Amino acid sequence: MTKAAVHEAVEVQGQIRNLDTPIEHYTESKLSKIVLKIDRYSTLGASEAFAAGKRSSPQAAFFRALFTFLQDYFLRGGLLDGKQGLTLAVTDSVNKYFKYAKLSQLENTNQKNSA
């Protein structure tokens, strides 16, 4: 398993075959828990991005979030999933906004500390 702060990945050595049974992934459905998850994941994602030398601004965070919503809801067909599709598109875009807003905040904090 590849170690990552937010989403782990599987590294396979050897033959790869199709599974006989699909793997199902159920996401959290309680909004209060989703908000906590967004806070945790956006903090981890911002820290990883900062360590990788990425930069952001509040404006860039907004446009990334907007693009994420449009992509999830329209391009990926979230609007066909009713309330769940809308909720997923909104929460995904909120997560994206906070990740890049927190990245911008990390930059500002780092600049102040090194001045």
PDB file of N, CA and C in Angstrom:
ATOM      1  N   MET A   1       0.847  -1.167   0.000  1.00  0.00           N
ATOM      2  CA  MET A   1       0.000   0.000   0.000  1.00  0.00           C
ATOM      3  C   MET A   1       0.900   1.240   0.000  1.00  0.00           C
ATOM      4  N   THR A   2       0.656   2.154  -0.930  1.00  0.00           N
ATOM      5  CA  THR A   2       1.411   3.400  -0.982  1.00  0.00           C
ATOM      6  C   THR A   2       0.872   4.345   0.079  1.00  0.00           C
ATOM      7  N   LYS A   3       1.776   4.887   0.877  1.00  0.00           N
ATOM      8  CA  LYS A   3       1.392   5.775   1.972  1.00  0.00           C
ATOM      9  C   LYS A   3       1.077   7.166   1.427  1.00  0.00           C
ATOM     10  N   ALA A   4      -0.072   7.684   1.787  1.00  0.00           N
ATOM     11  CA  ALA A   4      -0.471   9.039   1.427  1.00  0.00           C
ATOM     12  C   ALA A   4      -1.291   9.598   2.576  1.00  0.00           C
ATOM     13  N   ALA A   5      -1.274  10.910   2.723  1.00  0.00           N
ATOM     14  CA  ALA A   5      -1.988  11.527   3.842  1.00  0.00           C
ATOM     15  C   ALA A   5      -3.498  11.392   3.709  1.00  0.00           C
ATOM     16  N   VAL A   6      -4.016  11.432   2.485  1.00  0.00           N
ATOM     17  CA  VAL A   6      -5.466  11.424   2.315  1.00  0.00           C
ATOM     18  C   VAL A   6      -5.965  10.115   1.734  1.00  0.00           C
ATOM     19  N   HIS A   7      -5.512   9.752   0.549  1.00  0.00           N
ATOM     20  CA  HIS A   7      -5.987   8.522  -0.091  1.00  0.00           C
ATOM     21  C   HIS A   7      -4.816   7.601  -0.364  1.00  0.00           C
ATOM     22  N   GLU A   8      -4.871   6.428   0.228  1.00  0.00           N
ATOM     23  CA  GLU A   8      -3.823   5.449  -0.010  1.00  0.00           C
ATOM     24  C   GLU A   8      -4.014   4.851  -1.398  1.00  0.00           C
ATOM     25  N   ALA A   9      -2.996   4.197  -1.903  1.00  0.00           N
ATOM     26  CA  ALA A   9      -3.076   3.523  -3.191  1.00  0.00           C
ATOM     27  C   ALA A   9      -2.457   2.144  -3.049  1.00  0.00           C
ATOM     28  N   VAL A  10      -2.874   1.252  -3.900  1.00  0.00           N
ATOM     29  CA  VAL A  10      -2.362  -0.115  -3.873  1.00  0.00           C
ATOM     30  C   VAL A  10      -1.263  -0.250  -4.913  1.00  0.00           C
ATOM     31  N   GLU A  11      -0.133  -0.797  -4.506  1.00  0.00           N
ATOM     32  CA  GLU A  11       0.937  -1.136  -5.440  1.00  0.00           C
ATOM     33  C   GLU A  11       0.914  -2.638  -5.621  1.00  0.00           C
ATOM     34  N   VAL A  12       0.833  -3.057  -6.861  1.00  0.00           N
ATOM     35  CA  VAL A  12       0.726  -4.484  -7.156  1.00  0.00           C
ATOM     36  C   VAL A  12       2.019  -4.972  -7.777  1.00  0.00           C
ATOM     37  N   GLN A  13       2.522  -6.067  -7.235  1.00  0.00           N
ATOM     38  CA  GLN A  13       3.661  -6.740  -7.828  1.00  0.00           C
ATOM     39  C   GLN A  13       3.161  -8.106  -8.267  1.00  0.00           C
ATOM     40  N   GLY A  14       3.232  -8.368  -9.540  1.00  0.00           N
ATOM     41  CA  GLY A  14       2.731  -9.639 -10.041  1.00  0.00           C
ATOM     42  C   GLY A  14       1.551  -9.427 -10.966  1.00  0.00           C
ATOM     43  N   GLN A  15       0.824 -10.515 -11.176  1.00  0.00           N
ATOM     44  CA  GLN A  15      -0.270 -10.521 -12.136  1.00  0.00           C
ATOM     45  C   GLN A  15      -1.483  -9.741 -11.622  1.00  0.00           C
ATOM     46  N   ILE A  16      -2.124  -9.019 -12.533  1.00  0.00           N
ATOM     47  CA  ILE A  16      -3.347  -8.279 -12.213  1.00  0.00           C
ATOM     48  C   ILE A  16      -4.498  -8.937 -12.960  1.00  0.00           C
ATOM     49  N   ARG A  17      -5.571  -9.227 -12.227  1.00  0.00           N
ATOM     50  CA  ARG A  17      -6.753  -9.843 -12.840  1.00  0.00           C
ATOM     51  C   ARG A  17      -7.988  -9.095 -12.383  1.00  0.00           C
ATOM     52  N   ASN A  18      -9.087  -9.287 -13.097  1.00  0.00           N
ATOM     53  CA  ASN A  18     -10.365  -8.730 -12.683  1.00  0.00           C
ATOM     54  C   ASN A  18     -10.874  -9.481 -11.467  1.00  0.00           C
ATOM     55  N   LEU A  19     -11.552  -8.759 -10.583  1.00  0.00           N
ATOM     56  CA  LEU A  19     -12.138  -9.388  -9.410  1.00  0.00           C
ATOM     57  C   LEU A  19     -13.442 -10.076  -9.776  1.00  0.00           C
ATOM     58  N   ASP A  20     -13.742 -11.162  -9.084  1.00  0.00           N
ATOM     59  CA  ASP A  20     -15.022 -11.837  -9.289  1.00  0.00           C
ATOM     60  C   ASP A  20     -16.155 -11.040  -8.644  1.00  0.00           C
ATOM     61  N   THR A  21     -15.825 -10.327  -7.584  1.00  0.00           N
ATOM     62  CA  THR A  21     -16.800  -9.518  -6.866  1.00  0.00           C
ATOM     63  C   THR A  21     -16.300  -8.081  -6.842  1.00  0.00           C
ATOM     64  N   PRO A  22     -17.162  -7.130  -7.196  1.00  0.00           N
ATOM     65  CA  PRO A  22     -16.706  -5.737  -7.197  1.00  0.00           C
ATOM     66  C   PRO A  22     -16.455  -5.208  -5.786  1.00  0.00           C
ATOM     67  N   ILE A  23     -15.553  -4.259  -5.687  1.00  0.00           N
ATOM     68  CA  ILE A  23     -15.309  -3.569  -4.427  1.00  0.00           C
ATOM     69  C   ILE A  23     -16.251  -2.373  -4.389  1.00  0.00           C
ATOM     70  N   GLU A  24     -17.039  -2.280  -3.349  1.00  0.00           N
ATOM     71  CA  GLU A  24     -17.969  -1.157  -3.225  1.00  0.00           C
ATOM     72  C   GLU A  24     -17.433  -0.176  -2.203  1.00  0.00           C
ATOM     73  N   HIS A  25     -17.507   1.080  -2.539  1.00  0.00           N
ATOM     74  CA  HIS A  25     -17.035   2.145  -1.652  1.00  0.00           C
ATOM     75  C   HIS A  25     -18.218   3.010  -1.271  1.00  0.00           C
ATOM     76  N   TYR A  26     -18.539   3.029   0.012  1.00  0.00           N
ATOM     77  CA  TYR A  26     -19.634   3.854   0.500  1.00  0.00           C
ATOM     78  C   TYR A  26     -19.048   5.051   1.217  1.00  0.00           C
ATOM     79  N   THR A  27     -19.468   6.230   0.818  1.00  0.00           N
ATOM     80  CA  THR A  27     -18.984   7.437   1.447  1.00  0.00           C
ATOM     81  C   THR A  27     -19.876   7.794   2.632  1.00  0.00           C
ATOM     82  N   GLU A  28     -19.408   8.668   3.466  1.00  0.00           N
ATOM     83  CA  GLU A  28     -20.161   9.117   4.640  1.00  0.00           C
ATOM     84  C   GLU A  28     -21.431   9.841   4.190  1.00  0.00           C
ATOM     85  N   SER A  29     -22.530   9.624   4.898  1.00  0.00           N
ATOM     86  CA  SER A  29     -23.778  10.275   4.510  1.00  0.00           C
ATOM     87  C   SER A  29     -24.251  11.336   5.509  1.00  0.00           C
ATOM     88  N   LYS A  30     -23.701  11.348   6.713  1.00  0.00           N
ATOM     89  CA  LYS A  30     -24.100  12.365   7.693  1.00  0.00           C
ATOM     90  C   LYS A  30     -23.307  13.639   7.440  1.00  0.00           C
ATOM     91  N   LEU A  31     -24.014  14.747   7.192  1.00  0.00           N
ATOM     92  CA  LEU A  31     -23.336  15.995   6.853  1.00  0.00           C
ATOM     93  C   LEU A  31     -22.393  16.464   7.947  1.00  0.00           C
ATOM     94  N   SER A  32     -22.742  16.247   9.207  1.00  0.00           N
ATOM     95  CA  SER A  32     -21.855  16.683  10.293  1.00  0.00           C
ATOM     96  C   SER A  32     -20.518  15.950  10.225  1.00  0.00           C
ATOM     97  N   LYS A  33     -20.532  14.689   9.862  1.00  0.00           N
ATOM     98  CA  LYS A  33     -19.289  13.931   9.727  1.00  0.00           C
ATOM     99  C   LYS A  33     -18.543  14.310   8.454  1.00  0.00           C
ATOM    100  N   ILE A  34     -19.285  14.659   7.399  1.00  0.00           N
ATOM    101  CA  ILE A  34     -18.653  15.088   6.154  1.00  0.00           C
ATOM    102  C   ILE A  34     -17.870  16.376   6.384  1.00  0.00           C
ATOM    103  N   VAL A  35     -18.445  17.303   7.157  1.00  0.00           N
ATOM    104  CA  VAL A  35     -17.772  18.572   7.440  1.00  0.00           C
ATOM    105  C   VAL A  35     -16.467  18.323   8.194  1.00  0.00           C
ATOM    106  N   LEU A  36     -16.480  17.422   9.152  1.00  0.00           N
ATOM    107  CA  LEU A  36     -15.260  17.086   9.888  1.00  0.00           C
ATOM    108  C   LEU A  36     -14.220  16.446   8.960  1.00  0.00           C
ATOM    109  N   LYS A  37     -14.694  15.586   8.076  1.00  0.00           N
ATOM    110  CA  LYS A  37     -13.805  14.919   7.127  1.00  0.00           C
ATOM    111  C   LYS A  37     -13.188  15.945   6.168  1.00  0.00           C
ATOM    112  N   ILE A  38     -13.998  16.904   5.700  1.00  0.00           N
ATOM    113  CA  ILE A  38     -13.494  17.956   4.820  1.00  0.00           C
ATOM    114  C   ILE A  38     -12.402  18.742   5.529  1.00  0.00           C
ATOM    115  N   ASP A  39     -12.624  19.085   6.780  1.00  0.00           N
ATOM    116  CA  ASP A  39     -11.621  19.846   7.523  1.00  0.00           C
ATOM    117  C   ASP A  39     -10.320  19.060   7.628  1.00  0.00           C
ATOM    118  N   ARG A  40     -10.412  17.793   7.970  1.00  0.00           N
ATOM    119  CA  ARG A  40      -9.221  16.960   8.129  1.00  0.00           C
ATOM    120  C   ARG A  40      -8.501  16.756   6.791  1.00  0.00           C
ATOM    121  N   TYR A  41      -9.253  16.369   5.755  1.00  0.00           N
ATOM    122  CA  TYR A  41      -8.650  16.094   4.450  1.00  0.00           C
ATOM    123  C   TYR A  41      -8.078  17.354   3.804  1.00  0.00           C
ATOM    124  N   SER A  42      -8.764  18.483   3.955  1.00  0.00           N
ATOM    125  CA  SER A  42      -8.250  19.716   3.342  1.00  0.00           C
ATOM    126  C   SER A  42      -6.971  20.168   4.030  1.00  0.00           C
ATOM    127  N   THR A  43      -6.863  19.953   5.333  1.00  0.00           N
ATOM    128  CA  THR A  43      -5.636  20.291   6.053  1.00  0.00           C
ATOM    129  C   THR A  43      -4.492  19.399   5.592  1.00  0.00           C
ATOM    130  N   LEU A  44      -4.739  18.108   5.493  1.00  0.00           N
ATOM    131  CA  LEU A  44      -3.705  17.173   5.028  1.00  0.00           C
ATOM    132  C   LEU A  44      -3.305  17.480   3.583  1.00  0.00           C
ATOM    133  N   GLY A  45      -4.289  17.731   2.737  1.00  0.00           N
ATOM    134  CA  GLY A  45      -4.012  18.029   1.336  1.00  0.00           C
ATOM    135  C   GLY A  45      -3.217  19.314   1.169  1.00  0.00           C
ATOM    136  N   ALA A  46      -3.555  20.339   1.951  1.00  0.00           N
ATOM    137  CA  ALA A  46      -2.818  21.605   1.896  1.00  0.00           C
ATOM    138  C   ALA A  46      -1.379  21.401   2.348  1.00  0.00           C
ATOM    139  N   SER A  47      -1.188  20.627   3.395  1.00  0.00           N
ATOM    140  CA  SER A  47       0.170  20.353   3.895  1.00  0.00           C
ATOM    141  C   SER A  47       1.004  19.611   2.856  1.00  0.00           C
ATOM    142  N   GLU A  48       0.408  18.609   2.200  1.00  0.00           N
ATOM    143  CA  GLU A  48       1.115  17.878   1.146  1.00  0.00           C
ATOM    144  C   GLU A  48       1.463  18.798  -0.019  1.00  0.00           C
ATOM    145  N   ALA A  49       0.509  19.620  -0.424  1.00  0.00           N
ATOM    146  CA  ALA A  49       0.739  20.539  -1.542  1.00  0.00           C
ATOM    147  C   ALA A  49       1.827  21.548  -1.197  1.00  0.00           C
ATOM    148  N   PHE A  50       1.819  22.062   0.018  1.00  0.00           N
ATOM    149  CA  PHE A  50       2.820  23.028   0.456  1.00  0.00           C
ATOM    150  C   PHE A  50       4.206  22.395   0.446  1.00  0.00           C
ATOM    151  N   ALA A  51       4.296  21.173   0.958  1.00  0.00           N
ATOM    152  CA  ALA A  51       5.574  20.450   0.982  1.00  0.00           C
ATOM    153  C   ALA A  51       6.089  20.184  -0.437  1.00  0.00           C
ATOM    154  N   ALA A  52       5.158  20.042  -1.397  1.00  0.00           N
ATOM    155  CA  ALA A  52       5.537  19.802  -2.788  1.00  0.00           C
ATOM    156  C   ALA A  52       5.839  21.100  -3.540  1.00  0.00           C
ATOM    157  N   GLY A  53       5.757  22.233  -2.822  1.00  0.00           N
ATOM    158  CA  GLY A  53       6.090  23.510  -3.435  1.00  0.00           C
ATOM    159  C   GLY A  53       4.954  24.181  -4.187  1.00  0.00           C
ATOM    160  N   LYS A  54       3.732  23.662  -4.041  1.00  0.00           N
ATOM    161  CA  LYS A  54       2.592  24.274  -4.721  1.00  0.00           C
ATOM    162  C   LYS A  54       2.185  25.546  -3.989  1.00  0.00           C
ATOM    163  N   ARG A  55       1.554  26.451  -4.716  1.00  0.00           N
ATOM    164  CA  ARG A  55       1.123  27.726  -4.164  1.00  0.00           C
ATOM    165  C   ARG A  55      -0.327  27.991  -4.534  1.00  0.00           C
ATOM    166  N   SER A  56      -0.984  28.880  -3.782  1.00  0.00           N
ATOM    167  CA  SER A  56      -2.383  29.198  -4.039  1.00  0.00           C
ATOM    168  C   SER A  56      -2.700  30.591  -3.525  1.00  0.00           C
ATOM    169  N   SER A  57      -3.932  30.998  -3.718  1.00  0.00           N
ATOM    170  CA  SER A  57      -4.454  32.258  -3.207  1.00  0.00           C
ATOM    171  C   SER A  57      -5.944  32.051  -2.951  1.00  0.00           C
ATOM    172  N   PRO A  58      -6.589  32.941  -2.202  1.00  0.00           N
ATOM    173  CA  PRO A  58      -8.040  32.788  -1.998  1.00  0.00           C
ATOM    174  C   PRO A  58      -8.813  32.783  -3.329  1.00  0.00           C
ATOM    175  N   GLN A  59      -8.379  33.595  -4.280  1.00  0.00           N
ATOM    176  CA  GLN A  59      -9.047  33.633  -5.580  1.00  0.00           C
ATOM    177  C   GLN A  59      -8.860  32.311  -6.334  1.00  0.00           C
ATOM    178  N   ALA A  60      -7.644  31.793  -6.313  1.00  0.00           N
ATOM    179  CA  ALA A  60      -7.374  30.511  -6.971  1.00  0.00           C
ATOM    180  C   ALA A  60      -8.183  29.396  -6.310  1.00  0.00           C
ATOM    181  N   ALA A  61      -8.308  29.449  -4.981  1.00  0.00           N
ATOM    182  CA  ALA A  61      -9.099  28.454  -4.260  1.00  0.00           C
ATOM    183  C   ALA A  61     -10.555  28.494  -4.725  1.00  0.00           C
ATOM    184  N   PHE A  62     -11.084  29.705  -4.884  1.00  0.00           N
ATOM    185  CA  PHE A  62     -12.471  29.863  -5.341  1.00  0.00           C
ATOM    186  C   PHE A  62     -12.660  29.250  -6.727  1.00  0.00           C
ATOM    187  N   PHE A  63     -11.770  29.571  -7.654  1.00  0.00           N
ATOM    188  CA  PHE A  63     -11.933  29.074  -9.017  1.00  0.00           C
ATOM    189  C   PHE A  63     -11.710  27.568  -9.115  1.00  0.00           C
ATOM    190  N   ARG A  64     -10.816  27.029  -8.299  1.00  0.00           N
ATOM    191  CA  ARG A  64     -10.648  25.565  -8.262  1.00  0.00           C
ATOM    192  C   ARG A  64     -11.927  24.900  -7.754  1.00  0.00           C
ATOM    193  N   ALA A  65     -12.528  25.498  -6.724  1.00  0.00           N
ATOM    194  CA  ALA A  65     -13.771  24.954  -6.165  1.00  0.00           C
ATOM    195  C   ALA A  65     -14.903  25.033  -7.190  1.00  0.00           C
ATOM    196  N   LEU A  66     -15.005  26.152  -7.870  1.00  0.00           N
ATOM    197  CA  LEU A  66     -16.041  26.321  -8.890  1.00  0.00           C
ATOM    198  C   LEU A  66     -15.871  25.291 -10.000  1.00  0.00           C
ATOM    199  N   PHE A  67     -14.638  25.137 -10.481  1.00  0.00           N
ATOM    200  CA  PHE A  67     -14.377  24.157 -11.527  1.00  0.00           C
ATOM    201  C   PHE A  67     -14.719  22.743 -11.053  1.00  0.00           C
ATOM    202  N   THR A  68     -14.370  22.432  -9.808  1.00  0.00           N
ATOM    203  CA  THR A  68     -14.665  21.107  -9.260  1.00  0.00           C
ATOM    204  C   THR A  68     -16.163  20.853  -9.227  1.00  0.00           C
ATOM    205  N   PHE A  69     -16.935  21.867  -8.790  1.00  0.00           N
ATOM    206  CA  PHE A  69     -18.396  21.702  -8.760  1.00  0.00           C
ATOM    207  C   PHE A  69     -18.929  21.466 -10.166  1.00  0.00           C
ATOM    208  N   LEU A  70     -18.537  22.295 -11.115  1.00  0.00           N
ATOM    209  CA  LEU A  70     -19.036  22.156 -12.485  1.00  0.00           C
ATOM    210  C   LEU A  70     -18.662  20.805 -13.078  1.00  0.00           C
ATOM    211  N   GLN A  71     -17.443  20.382 -12.811  1.00  0.00           N
ATOM    212  CA  GLN A  71     -16.982  19.084 -13.309  1.00  0.00           C
ATOM    213  C   GLN A  71     -17.791  17.938 -12.695  1.00  0.00           C
ATOM    214  N   ASP A  72     -17.939  17.951 -11.360  1.00  0.00           N
ATOM    215  CA  ASP A  72     -18.653  16.859 -10.681  1.00  0.00           C
ATOM    216  C   ASP A  72     -20.137  16.829 -11.043  1.00  0.00           C
ATOM    217  N   TYR A  73     -20.750  17.997 -11.056  1.00  0.00           N
ATOM    218  CA  TYR A  73     -22.201  18.042 -11.219  1.00  0.00           C
ATOM    219  C   TYR A  73     -22.639  17.913 -12.673  1.00  0.00           C
ATOM    220  N   PHE A  74     -21.936  18.563 -13.581  1.00  0.00           N
ATOM    221  CA  PHE A  74     -22.353  18.540 -14.971  1.00  0.00           C
ATOM    222  C   PHE A  74     -21.566  17.543 -15.820  1.00  0.00           C
ATOM    223  N   LEU A  75     -20.242  17.650 -15.824  1.00  0.00           N
ATOM    224  CA  LEU A  75     -19.447  16.796 -16.707  1.00  0.00           C
ATOM    225  C   LEU A  75     -19.469  15.329 -16.296  1.00  0.00           C
ATOM    226  N   ARG A  76     -19.473  15.076 -14.992  1.00  0.00           N
ATOM    227  CA  ARG A  76     -19.490  13.684 -14.517  1.00  0.00           C
ATOM    228  C   ARG A  76     -20.898  13.175 -14.226  1.00  0.00           C
ATOM    229  N   GLY A  77     -21.896  14.006 -14.500  1.00  0.00           N
ATOM    230  CA  GLY A  77     -23.287  13.552 -14.400  1.00  0.00           C
ATOM    231  C   GLY A  77     -23.875  13.510 -13.004  1.00  0.00           C
ATOM    232  N   GLY A  78     -23.314  14.263 -12.076  1.00  0.00           N
ATOM    233  CA  GLY A  78     -23.870  14.281 -10.724  1.00  0.00           C
ATOM    234  C   GLY A  78     -25.323  14.736 -10.683  1.00  0.00           C
ATOM    235  N   LEU A  79     -25.726  15.572 -11.634  1.00  0.00           N
ATOM    236  CA  LEU A  79     -27.108  16.042 -11.651  1.00  0.00           C
ATOM    237  C   LEU A  79     -28.083  14.903 -11.915  1.00  0.00           C
ATOM    238  N   LEU A  80     -27.605  13.812 -12.477  1.00  0.00           N
ATOM    239  CA  LEU A  80     -28.461  12.650 -12.714  1.00  0.00           C
ATOM    240  C   LEU A  80     -28.704  11.847 -11.433  1.00  0.00           C
ATOM    241  N   ASP A  81     -27.919  12.129 -10.396  1.00  0.00           N
ATOM    242  CA  ASP A  81     -28.038  11.398  -9.136  1.00  0.00           C
ATOM    243  C   ASP A  81     -28.896  12.120  -8.100  1.00  0.00           C
ATOM    244  N   GLY A  82     -29.595  13.159  -8.516  1.00  0.00           N
ATOM    245  CA  GLY A  82     -30.517  13.853  -7.619  1.00  0.00           C
ATOM    246  C   GLY A  82     -29.808  14.550  -6.469  1.00  0.00           C
ATOM    247  N   LYS A  83     -30.439  14.465  -5.285  1.00  0.00           N
ATOM    248  CA  LYS A  83     -29.902  15.139  -4.100  1.00  0.00           C
ATOM    249  C   LYS A  83     -28.502  14.661  -3.740  1.00  0.00           C
ATOM    250  N   GLN A  84     -28.268  13.363  -3.891  1.00  0.00           N
ATOM    251  CA  GLN A  84     -26.949  12.824  -3.556  1.00  0.00           C
ATOM    252  C   GLN A  84     -25.878  13.387  -4.479  1.00  0.00           C
ATOM    253  N   GLY A  85     -26.182  13.525  -5.757  1.00  0.00           N
ATOM    254  CA  GLY A  85     -25.221  14.067  -6.706  1.00  0.00           C
ATOM    255  C   GLY A  85     -24.905  15.526  -6.415  1.00  0.00           C
ATOM    256  N   LEU A  86     -25.936  16.285  -6.042  1.00  0.00           N
ATOM    257  CA  LEU A  86     -25.727  17.684  -5.692  1.00  0.00           C
ATOM    258  C   LEU A  86     -24.892  17.802  -4.427  1.00  0.00           C
ATOM    259  N   THR A  87     -25.237  17.008  -3.420  1.00  0.00           N
ATOM    260  CA  THR A  87     -24.491  17.037  -2.159  1.00  0.00           C
ATOM    261  C   THR A  87     -23.032  16.666  -2.376  1.00  0.00           C
ATOM    262  N   LEU A  88     -22.785  15.644  -3.161  1.00  0.00           N
ATOM    263  CA  LEU A  88     -21.407  15.222  -3.430  1.00  0.00           C
ATOM    264  C   LEU A  88     -20.639  16.309  -4.188  1.00  0.00           C
ATOM    265  N   ALA A  89     -21.260  16.928  -5.180  1.00  0.00           N
ATOM    266  CA  ALA A  89     -20.592  17.988  -5.943  1.00  0.00           C
ATOM    267  C   ALA A  89     -20.269  19.182  -5.046  1.00  0.00           C
ATOM    268  N   VAL A  90     -21.206  19.543  -4.179  1.00  0.00           N
ATOM    269  CA  VAL A  90     -20.982  20.682  -3.280  1.00  0.00           C
ATOM    270  C   VAL A  90     -19.888  20.359  -2.269  1.00  0.00           C
ATOM    271  N   THR A  91     -19.968  19.206  -1.626  1.00  0.00           N
ATOM    272  CA  THR A  91     -18.973  18.874  -0.605  1.00  0.00           C
ATOM    273  C   THR A  91     -17.586  18.696  -1.222  1.00  0.00           C
ATOM    274  N   ASP A  92     -17.518  18.147  -2.418  1.00  0.00           N
ATOM    275  CA  ASP A  92     -16.230  18.005  -3.096  1.00  0.00           C
ATOM    276  C   ASP A  92     -15.642  19.384  -3.407  1.00  0.00           C
ATOM    277  N   SER A  93     -16.485  20.302  -3.854  1.00  0.00           N
ATOM    278  CA  SER A  93     -15.989  21.643  -4.178  1.00  0.00           C
ATOM    279  C   SER A  93     -15.619  22.422  -2.916  1.00  0.00           C
ATOM    280  N   VAL A  94     -16.356  22.231  -1.822  1.00  0.00           N
ATOM    281  CA  VAL A  94     -16.012  22.877  -0.546  1.00  0.00           C
ATOM    282  C   VAL A  94     -14.662  22.362  -0.058  1.00  0.00           C
ATOM    283  N   ASN A  95     -14.465  21.060  -0.163  1.00  0.00           N
ATOM    284  CA  ASN A  95     -13.183  20.468   0.222  1.00  0.00           C
ATOM    285  C   ASN A  95     -12.048  21.087  -0.597  1.00  0.00           C
ATOM    286  N   LYS A  96     -12.262  21.224  -1.909  1.00  0.00           N
ATOM    287  CA  LYS A  96     -11.236  21.799  -2.784  1.00  0.00           C
ATOM    288  C   LYS A  96     -10.951  23.247  -2.381  1.00  0.00           C
ATOM    289  N   TYR A  97     -12.011  24.012  -2.089  1.00  0.00           N
ATOM    290  CA  TYR A  97     -11.815  25.403  -1.684  1.00  0.00           C
ATOM    291  C   TYR A  97     -10.956  25.477  -0.419  1.00  0.00           C
ATOM    292  N   PHE A  98     -11.323  24.713   0.603  1.00  0.00           N
ATOM    293  CA  PHE A  98     -10.590  24.786   1.860  1.00  0.00           C
ATOM    294  C   PHE A  98      -9.162  24.291   1.720  1.00  0.00           C
ATOM    295  N   LYS A  99      -8.926  23.285   0.890  1.00  0.00           N
ATOM    296  CA  LYS A  99      -7.564  22.801   0.683  1.00  0.00           C
ATOM    297  C   LYS A  99      -6.686  23.933   0.161  1.00  0.00           C
ATOM    298  N   TYR A 100      -7.147  24.617  -0.868  1.00  0.00           N
ATOM    299  CA  TYR A 100      -6.315  25.654  -1.475  1.00  0.00           C
ATOM    300  C   TYR A 100      -6.324  26.958  -0.680  1.00  0.00           C
ATOM    301  N   ALA A 101      -7.388  27.236   0.060  1.00  0.00           N
ATOM    302  CA  ALA A 101      -7.381  28.393   0.954  1.00  0.00           C
ATOM    303  C   ALA A 101      -6.408  28.148   2.104  1.00  0.00           C
ATOM    304  N   LYS A 102      -6.373  26.920   2.614  1.00  0.00           N
ATOM    305  CA  LYS A 102      -5.421  26.577   3.677  1.00  0.00           C
ATOM    306  C   LYS A 102      -3.990  26.593   3.142  1.00  0.00           C
ATOM    307  N   LEU A 103      -3.806  26.188   1.901  1.00  0.00           N
ATOM    308  CA  LEU A 103      -2.477  26.266   1.285  1.00  0.00           C
ATOM    309  C   LEU A 103      -2.021  27.721   1.229  1.00  0.00           C
ATOM    310  N   SER A 104      -2.903  28.612   0.831  1.00  0.00           N
ATOM    311  CA  SER A 104      -2.586  30.041   0.801  1.00  0.00           C
ATOM    312  C   SER A 104      -2.235  30.539   2.204  1.00  0.00           C
ATOM    313  N   GLN A 105      -2.970  30.082   3.186  1.00  0.00           N
ATOM    314  CA  GLN A 105      -2.708  30.470   4.574  1.00  0.00           C
ATOM    315  C   GLN A 105      -1.336  29.957   5.035  1.00  0.00           C
ATOM    316  N   LEU A 106      -0.988  28.741   4.648  1.00  0.00           N
ATOM    317  CA  LEU A 106       0.330  28.202   4.986  1.00  0.00           C
ATOM    318  C   LEU A 106       1.438  29.054   4.374  1.00  0.00           C
ATOM    319  N   GLU A 107       1.243  29.469   3.132  1.00  0.00           N
ATOM    320  CA  GLU A 107       2.216  30.349   2.473  1.00  0.00           C
ATOM    321  C   GLU A 107       2.392  31.629   3.252  1.00  0.00           C
ATOM    322  N   ASN A 108       1.275  32.266   3.600  1.00  0.00           N
ATOM    323  CA  ASN A 108       1.338  33.538   4.340  1.00  0.00           C
ATOM    324  C   ASN A 108       2.013  33.377   5.683  1.00  0.00           C
ATOM    325  N   THR A 109       1.708  32.315   6.393  1.00  0.00           N
ATOM    326  CA  THR A 109       2.317  32.042   7.689  1.00  0.00           C
ATOM    327  C   THR A 109       3.823  31.821   7.533  1.00  0.00           C
ATOM    328  N   ASN A 110       4.190  31.057   6.498  1.00  0.00           N
ATOM    329  CA  ASN A 110       5.600  30.776   6.237  1.00  0.00           C
ATOM    330  C   ASN A 110       6.360  32.059   5.888  1.00  0.00           C
ATOM    331  N   GLN A 111       5.755  32.927   5.098  1.00  0.00           N
ATOM    332  CA  GLN A 111       6.390  34.194   4.724  1.00  0.00           C
ATOM    333  C   GLN A 111       6.597  35.092   5.938  1.00  0.00           C
ATOM    334  N   LYS A 112       5.598  35.132   6.828  1.00  0.00           N
ATOM    335  CA  LYS A 112       5.707  35.961   8.029  1.00  0.00           C
ATOM    336  C   LYS A 112       6.783  35.422   8.965  1.00  0.00           C
ATOM    337  N   ASN A 113       6.867  34.090   9.072  1.00  0.00           N
ATOM    338  CA  ASN A 113       7.854  33.478   9.973  1.00  0.00           C
ATOM    339  C   ASN A 113       9.278  33.617   9.447  1.00  0.00           C
ATOM    340  N   SER A 114       9.428  33.710   8.127  1.00  0.00           N
ATOM    341  CA  SER A 114      10.783  33.822   7.581  1.00  0.00           C
ATOM    342  C   SER A 114      11.209  35.281   7.388  1.00  0.00           C
ATOM    343  N   ALA A 115      10.312  36.200   7.685  1.00  0.00           N
ATOM    344  CA  ALA A 115      10.665  37.628   7.545  1.00  0.00           C
ATOM    345  C   ALA A 115      11.339  38.174   8.791  1.00  0.00           C
TER     346      ALA A 115
END
